[in-house]
C-alpha atoms as a PDB file:
ATOM      1  CA  MET A   1       0.034  -0.069   0.159  1.00  0.00           C
ATOM      2  CA  ASN A   2       1.171   3.875  -0.656  1.00  0.00           C
ATOM      3  CA  TYR A   3       0.990   5.805   2.502  1.00  0.00           C
ATOM      4  CA  GLU A   4       0.987   9.325   2.133  1.00  0.00           C
ATOM      5  CA  THR A   5       2.411  10.063   5.963  1.00  0.00           C
ATOM      6  CA  ILE A   6       4.501   6.919   6.434  1.00  0.00           C
ATOM      7  CA  LEU A   7       6.764   4.536   5.140  1.00  0.00           C
ATOM      8  CA  PHE A   8       6.682   1.140   5.722  1.00  0.00           C
ATOM      9  CA  LYS A   9       9.379  -1.738   4.934  1.00  0.00           C
ATOM     10  CA  VAL A  10      10.113  -5.254   6.086  1.00  0.00           C
ATOM     11  CA  GLU A  11      13.541  -6.388   6.222  1.00  0.00           C
ATOM     12  CA  ASN A  12      14.764  -9.940   7.969  1.00  0.00           C
ATOM     13  CA  ARG A  13      11.466 -10.306   9.177  1.00  0.00           C
ATOM     14  CA  ILE A  14      11.281  -6.770  11.218  1.00  0.00           C
ATOM     15  CA  ALA A  15       8.505  -4.426  10.050  1.00  0.00           C
ATOM     16  CA  THR A  16      10.179  -0.184  10.563  1.00  0.00           C
ATOM     17  CA  ILE A  17       7.125   2.080  10.399  1.00  0.00           C
ATOM     18  CA  THR A  18       8.500   5.583   9.893  1.00  0.00           C
ATOM     19  CA  LEU A  19       6.454   8.761  10.858  1.00  0.00           C
ATOM     20  CA  ASN A  20       7.357  10.874   7.787  1.00  0.00           C
ATOM     21  CA  ARG A  21       5.887  14.577   7.469  1.00  0.00           C
ATOM     22  CA  PRO A  22       9.971  15.703   8.743  1.00  0.00           C
ATOM     23  CA  ASP A  23       8.794  19.191   7.416  1.00  0.00           C
ATOM     24  CA  ARG A  24       6.227  19.055  10.161  1.00  0.00           C
ATOM     25  CA  LEU A  25       8.460  17.087  13.258  1.00  0.00           C
ATOM     26  CA  ASN A  26       6.143  14.405  12.095  1.00  0.00           C
ATOM     27  CA  ALA A  27       3.142  16.193  13.505  1.00  0.00           C
ATOM     28  CA  TRP A  28       0.263  13.688  13.816  1.00  0.00           C
ATOM     29  CA  ASN A  29      -3.037  14.049  11.760  1.00  0.00           C
ATOM     30  CA  HIS A  30      -6.082  11.686  11.086  1.00  0.00           C
ATOM     31  CA  THR A  31      -4.336  10.460   7.983  1.00  0.00           C
ATOM     32  CA  MET A  32      -1.040   9.487  10.222  1.00  0.00           C
ATOM     33  CA  SER A  33      -3.505   7.707  12.595  1.00  0.00           C
ATOM     34  CA  ALA A  34      -5.358   6.064   9.582  1.00  0.00           C
ATOM     35  CA  GLU A  35      -2.307   4.667   8.293  1.00  0.00           C
ATOM     36  CA  LEU A  36      -0.369   3.578  11.154  1.00  0.00           C
ATOM     37  CA  GLY A  37      -3.442   1.609  12.509  1.00  0.00           C
ATOM     38  CA  HIS A  38      -3.353   0.013   8.805  1.00  0.00           C
ATOM     39  CA  ALA A  39       0.135  -0.791   9.109  1.00  0.00           C
ATOM     40  CA  MET A  40       0.043  -2.355  12.352  1.00  0.00           C
ATOM     41  CA  LEU A  41      -3.213  -4.692  11.146  1.00  0.00           C
ATOM     42  CA  CYS A  42      -0.924  -5.903   8.429  1.00  0.00           C
ATOM     43  CA  CYS A  43       2.145  -6.556  10.714  1.00  0.00           C
ATOM     44  CA  ASP A  44      -0.477  -8.202  12.891  1.00  0.00           C
ATOM     45  CA  GLU A  45      -1.843 -10.743  10.323  1.00  0.00           C
ATOM     46  CA  ASP A  46       1.287 -11.218   8.704  1.00  0.00           C
ATOM     47  CA  ASP A  47       3.502 -13.916   9.773  1.00  0.00           C
ATOM     48  CA  GLU A  48       6.259 -13.045   8.029  1.00  0.00           C
ATOM     49  CA  ILE A  49       6.781 -10.433  10.240  1.00  0.00           C
ATOM     50  CA  ARG A  50       7.901 -11.213  13.696  1.00  0.00           C
ATOM     51  CA  ALA A  51       8.396  -7.528  15.205  1.00  0.00           C
ATOM     52  CA  VAL A  52       7.348  -4.201  14.514  1.00  0.00           C
ATOM     53  CA  VAL A  53       9.563  -0.826  15.111  1.00  0.00           C
ATOM     54  CA  VAL A  54       8.590   2.356  15.216  1.00  0.00           C
ATOM     55  CA  THR A  55      10.532   5.531  14.191  1.00  0.00           C
ATOM     56  CA  GLY A  56      10.383   9.540  12.996  1.00  0.00           C
ATOM     57  CA  ALA A  57      12.059  10.494   9.867  1.00  0.00           C
ATOM     58  CA  GLY A  58      14.346  13.446  10.735  1.00  0.00           C
ATOM     59  CA  ARG A  59      14.880  15.085  13.978  1.00  0.00           C
ATOM     60  CA  ALA A  60      11.991  14.505  15.578  1.00  0.00           C
ATOM     61  CA  PHE A  61       9.832  11.349  16.543  1.00  0.00           C
ATOM     62  CA  CYS A  62       6.439  13.474  16.683  1.00  0.00           C
ATOM     63  CA  ALA A  63       5.838  17.006  17.471  1.00  0.00           C
ATOM     64  CA  GLY A  64       2.225  15.882  18.644  1.00  0.00           C
ATOM     65  CA  SER A  65      -0.918  16.579  17.160  1.00  0.00           C
ATOM     66  CA  ASP A  66      -1.236  18.937  13.945  1.00  0.00           C
ATOM     67  CA  LEU A  67      -2.345  22.412  15.148  1.00  0.00           C
ATOM     68  CA  SER A  68      -1.937  23.871  12.070  1.00  0.00           C
ATOM     69  CA  SER A  69      -5.728  24.436  11.884  1.00  0.00           C
ATOM     70  CA  GLY A  70      -5.349  26.836  14.944  1.00  0.00           C
ATOM     71  CA  ASP A  71      -7.887  27.133  17.784  1.00  0.00           C
ATOM     72  CA  SER A  72     -10.261  24.475  16.054  1.00  0.00           C
ATOM     73  CA  ALA A  73      -7.428  21.585  15.872  1.00  0.00           C
ATOM     74  CA  PHE A  74      -9.260  19.261  18.263  1.00  0.00           C
ATOM     75  CA  ASP A  75     -12.700  19.842  17.064  1.00  0.00           C
ATOM     76  CA  THR A  76     -12.352  16.561  15.141  1.00  0.00           C
ATOM     77  CA  PHE A  77     -11.857  14.445  18.076  1.00  0.00           C
ATOM     78  CA  SER A  78     -14.817  16.315  20.429  1.00  0.00           C
ATOM     79  CA  ARG A  79     -16.849  15.180  17.039  1.00  0.00           C
ATOM     80  CA  GLU A  80     -15.448  11.540  16.266  1.00  0.00           C
ATOM     81  CA  LYS A  81     -14.874  10.011  19.528  1.00  0.00           C
ATOM     82  CA  ASP A  82     -14.884   6.274  18.717  1.00  0.00           C
ATOM     83  CA  THR A  83     -11.651   4.851  18.441  1.00  0.00           C
ATOM     84  CA  VAL A  84     -12.924   1.545  16.593  1.00  0.00           C
ATOM     85  CA  LEU A  85     -11.483  -0.376  13.575  1.00  0.00           C
ATOM     86  CA  ARG A  86     -13.881  -0.067  10.855  1.00  0.00           C
ATOM     87  CA  ASP A  87     -12.764  -2.704   8.482  1.00  0.00           C
ATOM     88  CA  LYS A  88      -9.323  -3.898   7.205  1.00  0.00           C
ATOM     89  CA  GLU A  89      -8.860  -1.667   4.193  1.00  0.00           C
ATOM     90  CA  GLY A  90      -8.041   1.596   6.334  1.00  0.00           C
ATOM     91  CA  ARG A  91     -10.908   3.278   6.656  1.00  0.00           C
ATOM     92  CA  TYR A  92     -10.983   4.586  10.436  1.00  0.00           C
ATOM     93  CA  GLU A  93     -12.890   6.717  12.640  1.00  0.00           C
ATOM     94  CA  GLY A  94     -11.388   9.253  15.165  1.00  0.00           C
ATOM     95  CA  TYR A  95      -7.728   7.625  16.047  1.00  0.00           C
ATOM     96  CA  ALA A  96      -7.384   4.368  14.294  1.00  0.00           C
ATOM     97  CA  GLY A  97      -6.627   1.118  15.897  1.00  0.00           C
ATOM     98  CA  PRO A  98      -5.397  -1.563  16.590  1.00  0.00           C
ATOM     99  CA  PHE A  99      -3.006  -0.030  18.470  1.00  0.00           C
ATOM    100  CA  PRO A 100       0.576  -1.410  19.103  1.00  0.00           C
ATOM    101  CA  TRP A 101      -0.734  -2.899  22.380  1.00  0.00           C
ATOM    102  CA  GLN A 102      -3.312  -4.754  20.826  1.00  0.00           C
ATOM    103  CA  ILE A 103      -1.222  -6.497  18.000  1.00  0.00           C
ATOM    104  CA  ARG A 104       0.400  -9.876  18.544  1.00  0.00           C
ATOM    105  CA  LYS A 105       4.093  -8.887  17.392  1.00  0.00           C
ATOM    106  CA  PRO A 106       6.055  -7.073  19.713  1.00  0.00           C
ATOM    107  CA  VAL A 107       6.494  -3.301  18.817  1.00  0.00           C
ATOM    108  CA  PHE A 108       9.261  -1.355  19.924  1.00  0.00           C
ATOM    109  CA  ALA A 109       9.535   2.375  19.567  1.00  0.00           C
ATOM    110  CA  ALA A 110      12.873   3.900  18.528  1.00  0.00           C
ATOM    111  CA  ILE A 111      12.250   7.711  19.551  1.00  0.00           C
ATOM    112  CA  ASN A 112      15.016   9.276  17.701  1.00  0.00           C
ATOM    113  CA  GLY A 113      13.994  12.922  18.800  1.00  0.00           C
ATOM    114  CA  HIS A 114      11.453  14.660  20.145  1.00  0.00           C
ATOM    115  CA  ALA A 115       8.209  13.528  21.202  1.00  0.00           C
ATOM    116  CA  ILE A 116       5.364  15.893  22.487  1.00  0.00           C
ATOM    117  CA  GLY A 117       1.827  14.877  23.504  1.00  0.00           C
ATOM    118  CA  VAL A 118       0.491  12.055  20.974  1.00  0.00           C
ATOM    119  CA  GLY A 119       3.974  11.853  19.956  1.00  0.00           C
ATOM    120  CA  ILE A 120       4.731   9.900  24.051  1.00  0.00           C
ATOM    121  CA  THR A 121       1.470   8.649  24.324  1.00  0.00           C
ATOM    122  CA  TYR A 122       1.727   6.623  21.624  1.00  0.00           C
ATOM    123  CA  PRO A 123       4.934   4.822  22.069  1.00  0.00           C
ATOM    124  CA  MET A 124       3.716   4.400  25.271  1.00  0.00           C
ATOM    125  CA  THR A 125       1.101   1.769  23.822  1.00  0.00           C
ATOM    126  CA  CYS A 126       4.388   0.108  22.821  1.00  0.00           C
ATOM    127  CA  ASP A 127       5.818  -2.597  24.211  1.00  0.00           C
ATOM    128  CA  LEU A 128       9.369  -1.083  24.887  1.00  0.00           C
ATOM    129  CA  ARG A 129      11.114   2.042  24.359  1.00  0.00           C
ATOM    130  CA  ILE A 130      14.263   3.537  23.127  1.00  0.00           C
ATOM    131  CA  VAL A 131      14.713   7.016  23.364  1.00  0.00           C
ATOM    132  CA  ALA A 132      17.295   9.844  22.131  1.00  0.00           C
ATOM    133  CA  GLU A 133      18.968  11.130  25.302  1.00  0.00           C
ATOM    134  CA  ASP A 134      18.293  14.532  24.785  1.00  0.00           C
ATOM    135  CA  ALA A 135      15.132  14.475  23.030  1.00  0.00           C
ATOM    136  CA  LYS A 136      12.390  16.847  24.362  1.00  0.00           C
ATOM    137  CA  VAL A 137       9.600  14.743  25.980  1.00  0.00           C
ATOM    138  CA  GLN A 138       6.369  16.414  26.868  1.00  0.00           C
ATOM    139  CA  PHE A 139       3.010  15.302  28.038  1.00  0.00           C
ATOM    140  CA  ALA A 140       1.700  18.660  26.904  1.00  0.00           C
ATOM    141  CA  PHE A 141      -2.200  17.831  26.914  1.00  0.00           C
ATOM    142  CA  VAL A 142      -3.312  19.783  29.857  1.00  0.00           C
ATOM    143  CA  ARG A 143      -1.454  23.063  28.368  1.00  0.00           C
ATOM    144  CA  ARG A 144      -3.364  23.034  25.567  1.00  0.00           C
ATOM    145  CA  GLY A 145      -6.903  22.537  27.477  1.00  0.00           C
ATOM    146  CA  VAL A 146      -7.364  18.561  26.490  1.00  0.00           C
ATOM    147  CA  LEU A 147      -5.915  15.903  28.148  1.00  0.00           C
ATOM    148  CA  PRO A 148      -3.307  12.913  27.922  1.00  0.00           C
ATOM    149  CA  GLU A 149      -5.140   9.748  25.926  1.00  0.00           C
ATOM    150  CA  LEU A 150      -4.500   6.838  24.410  1.00  0.00           C
ATOM    151  CA  TRP A 151      -4.902   4.926  27.928  1.00  0.00           C
ATOM    152  CA  SER A 152      -2.238   7.210  29.186  1.00  0.00           C
ATOM    153  CA  HIS A 153      -3.772   7.063  32.698  1.00  0.00           C
ATOM    154  CA  LYS A 154      -3.534   3.716  33.079  1.00  0.00           C
ATOM    155  CA  ILE A 155       0.122   3.037  31.281  1.00  0.00           C
ATOM    156  CA  VAL A 156       1.641   5.765  33.199  1.00  0.00           C
ATOM    157  CA  PRO A 157       1.148   4.961  36.243  1.00  0.00           C
ATOM    158  CA  GLN A 158       1.315   1.524  36.527  1.00  0.00           C
ATOM    159  CA  VAL A 159       4.489   1.715  35.251  1.00  0.00           C
ATOM    160  CA  ALA A 160       6.453   4.955  36.332  1.00  0.00           C
ATOM    161  CA  GLY A 161       4.266   5.131  39.630  1.00  0.00           C
ATOM    162  CA  LEU A 162       1.149   7.495  41.012  1.00  0.00           C
ATOM    163  CA  SER A 163       3.475  10.335  41.872  1.00  0.00           C
ATOM    164  CA  ASN A 164       5.774  10.351  38.664  1.00  0.00           C
ATOM    165  CA  ALA A 165       2.859  10.230  36.604  1.00  0.00           C
ATOM    166  CA  ALA A 166       0.689  13.207  38.305  1.00  0.00           C
ATOM    167  CA  ASP A 167       3.774  14.989  37.882  1.00  0.00           C
ATOM    168  CA  LEU A 168       4.229  14.432  34.133  1.00  0.00           C
ATOM    169  CA  LEU A 169      -0.011  14.120  32.974  1.00  0.00           C
ATOM    170  CA  LEU A 170      -0.819  16.955  35.903  1.00  0.00           C
ATOM    171  CA  THR A 171       1.960  19.623  34.865  1.00  0.00           C
ATOM    172  CA  GLY A 172       2.455  19.040  31.031  1.00  0.00           C
ATOM    173  CA  ARG A 173       6.384  19.831  31.781  1.00  0.00           C
ATOM    174  CA  MET A 174       8.947  18.902  29.438  1.00  0.00           C
ATOM    175  CA  ILE A 175      12.157  16.175  30.152  1.00  0.00           C
ATOM    176  CA  ARG A 176      14.514  14.809  28.595  1.00  0.00           C
ATOM    177  CA  GLY A 177      14.957  11.328  27.112  1.00  0.00           C
ATOM    178  CA  ARG A 178      17.429  10.690  29.678  1.00  0.00           C
ATOM    179  CA  GLU A 179      14.619  11.490  32.597  1.00  0.00           C
ATOM    180  CA  LEU A 180      12.176   9.137  30.747  1.00  0.00           C
ATOM    181  CA  VAL A 181      14.474   6.635  31.146  1.00  0.00           C
ATOM    182  CA  GLU A 182      15.349   7.343  35.094  1.00  0.00           C
ATOM    183  CA  LEU A 183      11.376   7.188  35.643  1.00  0.00           C
ATOM    184  CA  GLY A 184      11.374   3.737  33.770  1.00  0.00           C
ATOM    185  CA  LEU A 185       9.176   4.651  30.914  1.00  0.00           C
ATOM    186  CA  ALA A 186      12.007   3.552  28.758  1.00  0.00           C
ATOM    187  CA  SER A 187      14.573   1.490  28.302  1.00  0.00           C
ATOM    188  CA  ALA A 188      17.677   3.148  27.318  1.00  0.00           C
ATOM    189  CA  ALA A 189      18.761   6.186  26.611  1.00  0.00           C
ATOM    190  CA  LEU A 190      21.295   6.844  23.595  1.00  0.00           C
ATOM    191  CA  PRO A 191      22.499   9.558  21.098  1.00  0.00           C
ATOM    192  CA  ALA A 192      19.951  10.181  18.762  1.00  0.00           C
ATOM    193  CA  ASP A 193      22.026   8.446  15.677  1.00  0.00           C
ATOM    194  CA  GLN A 194      22.368   5.270  17.832  1.00  0.00           C
ATOM    195  CA  VAL A 195      18.588   4.531  18.689  1.00  0.00           C
ATOM    196  CA  LEU A 196      17.245   3.386  15.776  1.00  0.00           C
ATOM    197  CA  GLU A 197      19.871   0.667  15.253  1.00  0.00           C
ATOM    198  CA  ALA A 198      19.679   0.106  18.825  1.00  0.00           C
ATOM    199  CA  THR A 199      16.095  -0.468  18.662  1.00  0.00           C
ATOM    200  CA  LEU A 200      16.056  -2.899  15.991  1.00  0.00           C
ATOM    201  CA  GLU A 201      18.959  -4.389  17.832  1.00  0.00           C
ATOM    202  CA  ARG A 202      16.645  -5.443  20.693  1.00  0.00           C
ATOM    203  CA  ALA A 203      13.837  -6.550  17.981  1.00  0.00           C
ATOM    204  CA  ARG A 204      16.269  -8.890  16.759  1.00  0.00           C
ATOM    205  CA  GLU A 205      16.242 -10.855  19.696  1.00  0.00           C
ATOM    206  CA  VAL A 206      12.998 -11.809  19.087  1.00  0.00           C
ATOM    207  CA  LEU A 207      13.363 -13.762  16.045  1.00  0.00           C
ATOM    208  CA  LYS A 208      15.091 -16.479  18.682  1.00  0.00           C
ATOM    209  CA  ALA A 209      11.727 -17.048  20.672  1.00  0.00           C
ATOM    210  CA  ALA A 210       8.899 -18.898  19.441  1.00  0.00           C
ATOM    211  CA  PRO A 211       6.232 -16.283  18.155  1.00  0.00           C
ATOM    212  CA  VAL A 212       2.966 -17.898  19.355  1.00  0.00           C
ATOM    213  CA  SER A 213       4.304 -18.044  22.888  1.00  0.00           C
ATOM    214  CA  VAL A 214       5.643 -14.214  22.294  1.00  0.00           C
ATOM    215  CA  ALA A 215       2.288 -13.359  21.500  1.00  0.00           C
ATOM    216  CA  ILE A 216       0.270 -14.914  24.114  1.00  0.00           C
ATOM    217  CA  SER A 217       3.000 -13.603  26.990  1.00  0.00           C
ATOM    218  CA  LYS A 218       2.508 -10.311  25.417  1.00  0.00           C
ATOM    219  CA  ARG A 219      -1.457 -10.380  25.327  1.00  0.00           C
ATOM    220  CA  LEU A 220      -0.974 -11.947  29.434  1.00  0.00           C
ATOM    221  CA  LEU A 221       1.735  -8.398  30.136  1.00  0.00           C
ATOM    222  CA  TRP A 222      -0.921  -6.006  29.004  1.00  0.00           C
ATOM    223  CA  ARG A 223      -4.087  -7.782  30.234  1.00  0.00           C
ATOM    224  CA  GLY A 224      -2.182  -7.900  33.607  1.00  0.00           C
ATOM    225  CA  LEU A 225      -3.046  -4.130  33.510  1.00  0.00           C
ATOM    226  CA  SER A 226      -6.735  -4.407  34.259  1.00  0.00           C
ATOM    227  CA  ILE A 227      -7.394  -7.543  36.014  1.00  0.00           C
ATOM    228  CA  SER A 228      -5.877  -8.699  39.035  1.00  0.00           C
ATOM    229  CA  SER A 229      -3.144 -11.296  40.107  1.00  0.00           C
ATOM    230  CA  ALA A 230      -5.884 -13.807  41.331  1.00  0.00           C
ATOM    231  CA  GLU A 231      -7.503 -13.365  37.628  1.00  0.00           C
ATOM    232  CA  LEU A 232      -4.297 -13.211  35.787  1.00  0.00           C
ATOM    233  CA  GLY A 233      -2.479 -16.360  37.559  1.00  0.00           C
ATOM    234  CA  PRO A 234      -5.332 -19.004  36.145  1.00  0.00           C
ATOM    235  CA  LYS A 235      -5.100 -17.523  32.638  1.00  0.00           C
ATOM    236  CA  GLU A 236      -1.337 -17.512  32.711  1.00  0.00           C
ATOM    237  CA  ALA A 237      -1.434 -21.244  33.949  1.00  0.00           C
ATOM    238  CA  LEU A 238      -4.002 -22.581  31.338  1.00  0.00           C
ATOM    239  CA  MET A 239      -1.551 -20.709  28.211  1.00  0.00           C
ATOM    240  CA  PHE A 240       1.669 -22.592  30.089  1.00  0.00           C
ATOM    241  CA  ALA A 241      -0.436 -26.168  29.552  1.00  0.00           C
ATOM    242  CA  TRP A 242      -1.715 -25.215  26.041  1.00  0.00           C
ATOM    243  CA  THR A 243       1.706 -24.281  25.069  1.00  0.00           C
ATOM    244  CA  SER A 244       3.351 -27.002  26.911  1.00  0.00           C
ATOM    245  CA  SER A 245       1.364 -29.545  24.728  1.00  0.00           C
ATOM    246  CA  GLN A 246       2.420 -27.546  21.576  1.00  0.00           C
ATOM    247  CA  ALA A 247       4.937 -28.489  18.572  1.00  0.00           C
ATOM    248  CA  ASP A 248       7.036 -25.761  19.751  1.00  0.00           C
ATOM    249  CA  ALA A 249       7.505 -26.801  23.199  1.00  0.00           C
ATOM    250  CA  ARG A 250       8.750 -30.122  21.415  1.00  0.00           C
ATOM    251  CA  GLU A 251      10.962 -27.808  19.130  1.00  0.00           C
ATOM    252  CA  GLY A 252      12.333 -25.453  21.756  1.00  0.00           C
ATOM    253  CA  VAL A 253      13.762 -28.583  23.648  1.00  0.00           C
ATOM    254  CA  ALA A 254      14.995 -30.235  20.655  1.00  0.00           C
ATOM    255  CA  SER A 255      17.180 -27.517  19.277  1.00  0.00           C
ATOM    256  CA  PHE A 256      18.381 -26.279  22.617  1.00  0.00           C
ATOM    257  CA  LEU A 257      19.941 -30.048  23.240  1.00  0.00           C
ATOM    258  CA  GLU A 258      20.902 -30.319  19.357  1.00  0.00           C
ATOM    259  CA  LYS A 259      22.530 -26.866  19.558  1.00  0.00           C
ATOM    260  CA  ARG A 260      20.652 -25.362  16.573  1.00  0.00           C
ATOM    261  CA  ASP A 261      18.200 -22.727  15.479  1.00  0.00           C
ATOM    262  CA  PRO A 262      14.891 -23.881  16.377  1.00  0.00           C
ATOM    263  CA  ASP A 263      12.360 -24.091  13.446  1.00  0.00           C
ATOM    264  CA  TRP A 264       9.373 -23.052  15.154  1.00  0.00           C
ATOM    265  CA  LYS A 265       5.530 -24.864  13.799  1.00  0.00           C
ATOM    266  CA  LEU A 266       2.570 -22.478  15.063  1.00  0.00           C
ATOM    267  CA  SER A 267       1.596 -19.881  13.208  1.00  0.00           C
ATOM    268  CA  VAL A 268       0.757 -16.619  15.297  1.00  0.00           C
ATOM    269  CA  ALA A 269      -2.472 -15.484  12.752  1.00  0.00           C
ATOM    270  CA  LYS A 270      -3.608 -19.316  12.562  1.00  0.00           C
ATOM    271  CA  ASN A 271      -2.624 -20.758  15.848  1.00  0.00           C
ATOM    272  CA  THR A 272      -2.821 -18.245  18.840  1.00  0.00           C
ATOM    273  CA  PRO A 273      -5.709 -19.395  21.158  1.00  0.00           C
ATOM    274  CA  GLU A 274      -8.417 -17.045  21.926  1.00  0.00           C
ATOM    275  CA  ILE A 275      -9.345 -18.718  25.534  1.00  0.00           C
ATOM    276  CA  GLY A 276      -9.890 -16.108  28.280  1.00  0.00           C
ATOM    277  CA  LEU A 277      -7.572 -13.258  26.263  1.00  0.00           C
END
């Protein structure tokens, strides 16, 4: 598919999605939202793709929502409250899904530069973040008369703690990439020109793991944000028992003992169970 606001490529089973409005510091608009949702859906359904990396073109990751329309910039969001995926052809309303946490492949954010507003809340829906150490990062919403979205009031306090989340979300203050790591909201802070390659290197680690096992583990991790340990435990045990009975469990042990690369049998698209997840 030819995209207007993003670049999409697959190399060595890793998809790289690049926000591609560098002249606007990759400012977010509805076209970008729809195209990201479409690209995520493609990654979810394609067994040849094992991991996804999201980054930005130029010196920014994403400078937030495109405010070029002036004080009416947020009007469309007040009219389009749904975040529902409309169909598989890329037509969406409001924010476009699926989001990174909703797909069955690990999604890594390579925050190569400034990340403001949705430029940080979107990567917070990814599984792992590596950030440019000097990048400006700001949950700026309350300073624009709106409030943080994309599950920020759940994800940020869950990861960084209530006090740190309140500090960032209620003040909208600016921090740097290094502080994002100190707060536990990113895994590493590096010079900007090293961020993408370091993120790709981390994504390559996924290629060593069984794809369906990874998909189930990811789902359990994110489900853990919304259910209790008492609820999560039985689901985890059920999925452990299921994976233990599958061909990939036998292949994982055999390849380890035989000191060779595994030949995984299960398909994420066809074999990932839905039971309780």
